[in-house]
Amino acid sequence: MTYSWQAYLFVALGGSLGAVLRFYLSNLSDSLFGKHFPFGTLAVNVIGAFFIAVVYGLIERESLDPMPYRFLVGVGLLGAFTTFSTFSIETLALLQNGLWMKAAMNVALNVFVCLFAAYIGMQLFKG
């Protein structure tokens, strides 16, 4: 699938804003609650999952035009803010289509394989 240069521009603009918002919220969370639990990551994941569902719901109802909102907000802003939002909406779509086994596999693979990959990465460069 080929997209116009505007789609890439919207992704870039939204992505830069999403990255800044994530950085800000993570630092705010650390200063409010301390660093003993990753509340900032939890907050961005929950906020991102909520807003990506709102955006895609409005696009499906044709209340929002996919161009620019899908690219600016869905892919760019929320994609940089948290990839967990994409994971959430994709898993929800599988569930809504009755694909329970694929949804369960998506959850299990994303959680466990990513944790394993992070573990291997840490072990490779452990001092």
C-alpha atoms as a PDB file:
ATOM      1  CA  MET A   1       0.000   0.000   0.000  1.00  0.00           C
ATOM      2  CA  THR A   2       1.368   3.390  -0.995  1.00  0.00           C
ATOM      3  CA  TYR A   3       0.644   6.500   1.036  1.00  0.00           C
ATOM      4  CA  SER A   4       0.961  10.137   0.082  1.00  0.00           C
ATOM      5  CA  TRP A   5       3.688  12.382   1.432  1.00  0.00           C
ATOM      6  CA  GLN A   6       1.008  14.019   3.614  1.00  0.00           C
ATOM      7  CA  ALA A   7       0.438  10.739   5.465  1.00  0.00           C
ATOM      8  CA  TYR A   8       4.145  10.533   6.300  1.00  0.00           C
ATOM      9  CA  LEU A   9       4.157  14.166   7.382  1.00  0.00           C
ATOM     10  CA  PHE A  10       1.181  13.586   9.695  1.00  0.00           C
ATOM     11  CA  VAL A  11       2.883  10.516  11.211  1.00  0.00           C
ATOM     12  CA  ALA A  12       6.081  12.520  11.793  1.00  0.00           C
ATOM     13  CA  LEU A  13       4.262  15.466  13.373  1.00  0.00           C
ATOM     14  CA  GLY A  14       2.103  13.284  15.574  1.00  0.00           C
ATOM     15  CA  GLY A  15       5.058  11.071  16.487  1.00  0.00           C
ATOM     16  CA  SER A  16       7.174  13.979  17.664  1.00  0.00           C
ATOM     17  CA  LEU A  17       4.334  15.250  19.850  1.00  0.00           C
ATOM     18  CA  GLY A  18       3.637  11.754  21.215  1.00  0.00           C
ATOM     19  CA  ALA A  19       7.277  11.219  22.157  1.00  0.00           C
ATOM     20  CA  VAL A  20       7.413  14.559  23.973  1.00  0.00           C
ATOM     21  CA  LEU A  21       4.147  13.827  25.817  1.00  0.00           C
ATOM     22  CA  ARG A  22       5.427  10.410  26.888  1.00  0.00           C
ATOM     23  CA  PHE A  23       8.675  11.928  28.183  1.00  0.00           C
ATOM     24  CA  TYR A  24       6.766  14.654  30.041  1.00  0.00           C
ATOM     25  CA  LEU A  25       4.227  12.289  31.596  1.00  0.00           C
ATOM     26  CA  SER A  26       6.886   9.787  32.653  1.00  0.00           C
ATOM     27  CA  ASN A  27       8.915  12.527  34.361  1.00  0.00           C
ATOM     28  CA  LEU A  28       5.799  13.978  35.989  1.00  0.00           C
ATOM     29  CA  SER A  29       4.836  10.541  37.279  1.00  0.00           C
ATOM     30  CA  ASP A  30       8.326   9.949  38.688  1.00  0.00           C
ATOM     31  CA  SER A  31       8.255  13.270  40.521  1.00  0.00           C
ATOM     32  CA  LEU A  32       4.744  12.663  41.906  1.00  0.00           C
ATOM     33  CA  PHE A  33       4.975   8.977  42.825  1.00  0.00           C
ATOM     34  CA  GLY A  34       8.682   8.128  42.859  1.00  0.00           C
ATOM     35  CA  LYS A  35      10.496   5.517  40.814  1.00  0.00           C
ATOM     36  CA  HIS A  36       9.614   2.426  42.866  1.00  0.00           C
ATOM     37  CA  PHE A  37       6.991   1.348  40.277  1.00  0.00           C
ATOM     38  CA  PRO A  38       6.724   2.299  36.580  1.00  0.00           C
ATOM     39  CA  PHE A  39       3.560   4.380  36.992  1.00  0.00           C
ATOM     40  CA  GLY A  40       4.523   6.566  34.024  1.00  0.00           C
ATOM     41  CA  THR A  41       4.578   3.575  31.674  1.00  0.00           C
ATOM     42  CA  LEU A  42       1.299   2.310  33.082  1.00  0.00           C
ATOM     43  CA  ALA A  43      -0.272   5.745  32.666  1.00  0.00           C
ATOM     44  CA  VAL A  44       0.804   6.148  29.028  1.00  0.00           C
ATOM     45  CA  ASN A  45      -0.334   2.618  28.197  1.00  0.00           C
ATOM     46  CA  VAL A  46      -3.797   3.150  29.701  1.00  0.00           C
ATOM     47  CA  ILE A  47      -4.200   6.643  28.225  1.00  0.00           C
ATOM     48  CA  GLY A  48      -2.948   5.489  24.828  1.00  0.00           C
ATOM     49  CA  ALA A  49      -5.220   2.426  24.753  1.00  0.00           C
ATOM     50  CA  PHE A  50      -8.236   4.593  25.637  1.00  0.00           C
ATOM     51  CA  PHE A  51      -7.543   7.322  23.076  1.00  0.00           C
ATOM     52  CA  ILE A  52      -6.669   5.002  20.200  1.00  0.00           C
ATOM     53  CA  ALA A  53      -9.998   3.248  20.718  1.00  0.00           C
ATOM     54  CA  VAL A  54     -11.797   6.619  20.740  1.00  0.00           C
ATOM     55  CA  VAL A  55     -10.047   7.779  17.553  1.00  0.00           C
ATOM     56  CA  TYR A  56     -10.623   4.540  15.661  1.00  0.00           C
ATOM     57  CA  GLY A  57     -14.223   4.365  16.894  1.00  0.00           C
ATOM     58  CA  LEU A  58     -14.878   7.873  15.593  1.00  0.00           C
ATOM     59  CA  ILE A  59     -13.225   7.017  12.281  1.00  0.00           C
ATOM     60  CA  GLU A  60     -15.371   3.875  11.945  1.00  0.00           C
ATOM     61  CA  ARG A  61     -18.517   5.933  12.668  1.00  0.00           C
ATOM     62  CA  GLU A  62     -17.273   8.392  10.052  1.00  0.00           C
ATOM     63  CA  SER A  63     -17.238  11.209  12.619  1.00  0.00           C
ATOM     64  CA  LEU A  64     -13.539  11.725  11.858  1.00  0.00           C
ATOM     65  CA  ASP A  65     -11.835  11.590   8.486  1.00  0.00           C
ATOM     66  CA  PRO A  66      -9.064   8.967   8.420  1.00  0.00           C
ATOM     67  CA  MET A  67      -6.862  11.568   6.743  1.00  0.00           C
ATOM     68  CA  PRO A  68      -5.350  13.168   8.784  1.00  0.00           C
ATOM     69  CA  TYR A  69      -6.600  11.689  12.104  1.00  0.00           C
ATOM     70  CA  ARG A  70      -5.603   8.070  11.597  1.00  0.00           C
ATOM     71  CA  PHE A  71      -2.085   9.114  10.650  1.00  0.00           C
ATOM     72  CA  LEU A  72      -1.643  12.162  12.880  1.00  0.00           C
ATOM     73  CA  VAL A  73      -3.220  10.797  16.060  1.00  0.00           C
ATOM     74  CA  GLY A  74      -3.578   7.017  15.673  1.00  0.00           C
ATOM     75  CA  VAL A  75      -0.264   6.135  14.056  1.00  0.00           C
ATOM     76  CA  GLY A  76       1.891   9.158  14.902  1.00  0.00           C
ATOM     77  CA  LEU A  77       0.937  10.644  18.261  1.00  0.00           C
ATOM     78  CA  LEU A  78      -0.335   7.508  19.979  1.00  0.00           C
ATOM     79  CA  GLY A  79       2.175   5.270  18.218  1.00  0.00           C
ATOM     80  CA  ALA A  80       5.043   7.285  19.680  1.00  0.00           C
ATOM     81  CA  PHE A  81       3.224   7.826  22.964  1.00  0.00           C
ATOM     82  CA  THR A  82       2.794   4.076  23.437  1.00  0.00           C
ATOM     83  CA  THR A  83       2.869   1.040  21.188  1.00  0.00           C
ATOM     84  CA  PHE A  84       0.690  -0.659  23.781  1.00  0.00           C
ATOM     85  CA  SER A  85      -2.238   1.308  22.368  1.00  0.00           C
ATOM     86  CA  THR A  86      -1.774  -0.392  18.987  1.00  0.00           C
ATOM     87  CA  PHE A  87      -1.465  -3.777  20.673  1.00  0.00           C
ATOM     88  CA  SER A  88      -4.674  -3.077  22.596  1.00  0.00           C
ATOM     89  CA  ILE A  89      -6.765  -2.037  19.600  1.00  0.00           C
ATOM     90  CA  GLU A  90      -5.494  -4.942  17.482  1.00  0.00           C
ATOM     91  CA  THR A  91      -6.308  -7.443  20.239  1.00  0.00           C
ATOM     92  CA  LEU A  92      -9.735  -5.875  20.738  1.00  0.00           C
ATOM     93  CA  ALA A  93     -10.430  -6.148  16.992  1.00  0.00           C
ATOM     94  CA  LEU A  94      -9.567  -9.849  17.103  1.00  0.00           C
ATOM     95  CA  LEU A  95     -11.933 -10.326  20.069  1.00  0.00           C
ATOM     96  CA  GLN A  96     -14.740  -8.386  18.387  1.00  0.00           C
ATOM     97  CA  ASN A  97     -14.383 -10.616  15.324  1.00  0.00           C
ATOM     98  CA  GLY A  98     -14.695 -13.723  17.484  1.00  0.00           C
ATOM     99  CA  LEU A  99     -11.071 -14.716  16.976  1.00  0.00           C
ATOM    100  CA  TRP A 100     -10.508 -15.602  20.631  1.00  0.00           C
ATOM    101  CA  MET A 101      -7.584 -17.947  20.046  1.00  0.00           C
ATOM    102  CA  LYS A 102      -5.734 -15.402  17.899  1.00  0.00           C
ATOM    103  CA  ALA A 103      -6.414 -12.708  20.500  1.00  0.00           C
ATOM    104  CA  ALA A 104      -5.053 -14.936  23.289  1.00  0.00           C
ATOM    105  CA  MET A 105      -2.033 -15.806  21.163  1.00  0.00           C
ATOM    106  CA  ASN A 106      -1.435 -12.102  20.443  1.00  0.00           C
ATOM    107  CA  VAL A 107      -1.512 -11.292  24.169  1.00  0.00           C
ATOM    108  CA  ALA A 108       0.698 -14.218  25.150  1.00  0.00           C
ATOM    109  CA  LEU A 109       3.253 -13.651  22.398  1.00  0.00           C
ATOM    110  CA  ASN A 110       3.483  -9.896  22.941  1.00  0.00           C
ATOM    111  CA  VAL A 111       3.891 -10.220  26.690  1.00  0.00           C
ATOM    112  CA  PHE A 112       6.057 -13.302  27.019  1.00  0.00           C
ATOM    113  CA  VAL A 113       8.155 -13.068  23.860  1.00  0.00           C
ATOM    114  CA  CYS A 114       8.880  -9.389  24.499  1.00  0.00           C
ATOM    115  CA  LEU A 115       9.826 -10.102  28.107  1.00  0.00           C
ATOM    116  CA  PHE A 116      12.080 -12.921  26.932  1.00  0.00           C
ATOM    117  CA  ALA A 117      13.659 -10.704  24.253  1.00  0.00           C
ATOM    118  CA  ALA A 118      14.289  -7.993  26.849  1.00  0.00           C
ATOM    119  CA  TYR A 119      15.843 -10.578  29.171  1.00  0.00           C
ATOM    120  CA  ILE A 120      18.143 -11.879  26.416  1.00  0.00           C
ATOM    121  CA  GLY A 121      19.101  -8.321  25.477  1.00  0.00           C
ATOM    122  CA  MET A 122      19.983  -7.540  29.092  1.00  0.00           C
ATOM    123  CA  GLN A 123      21.978 -10.750  29.429  1.00  0.00           C
ATOM    124  CA  LEU A 124      23.981 -10.056  26.274  1.00  0.00           C
ATOM    125  CA  PHE A 125      25.263  -6.754  27.601  1.00  0.00           C
ATOM    126  CA  LYS A 126      25.336  -7.520  31.300  1.00  0.00           C
ATOM    127  CA  GLY A 127      28.564  -6.439  32.922  1.00  0.00           C
END
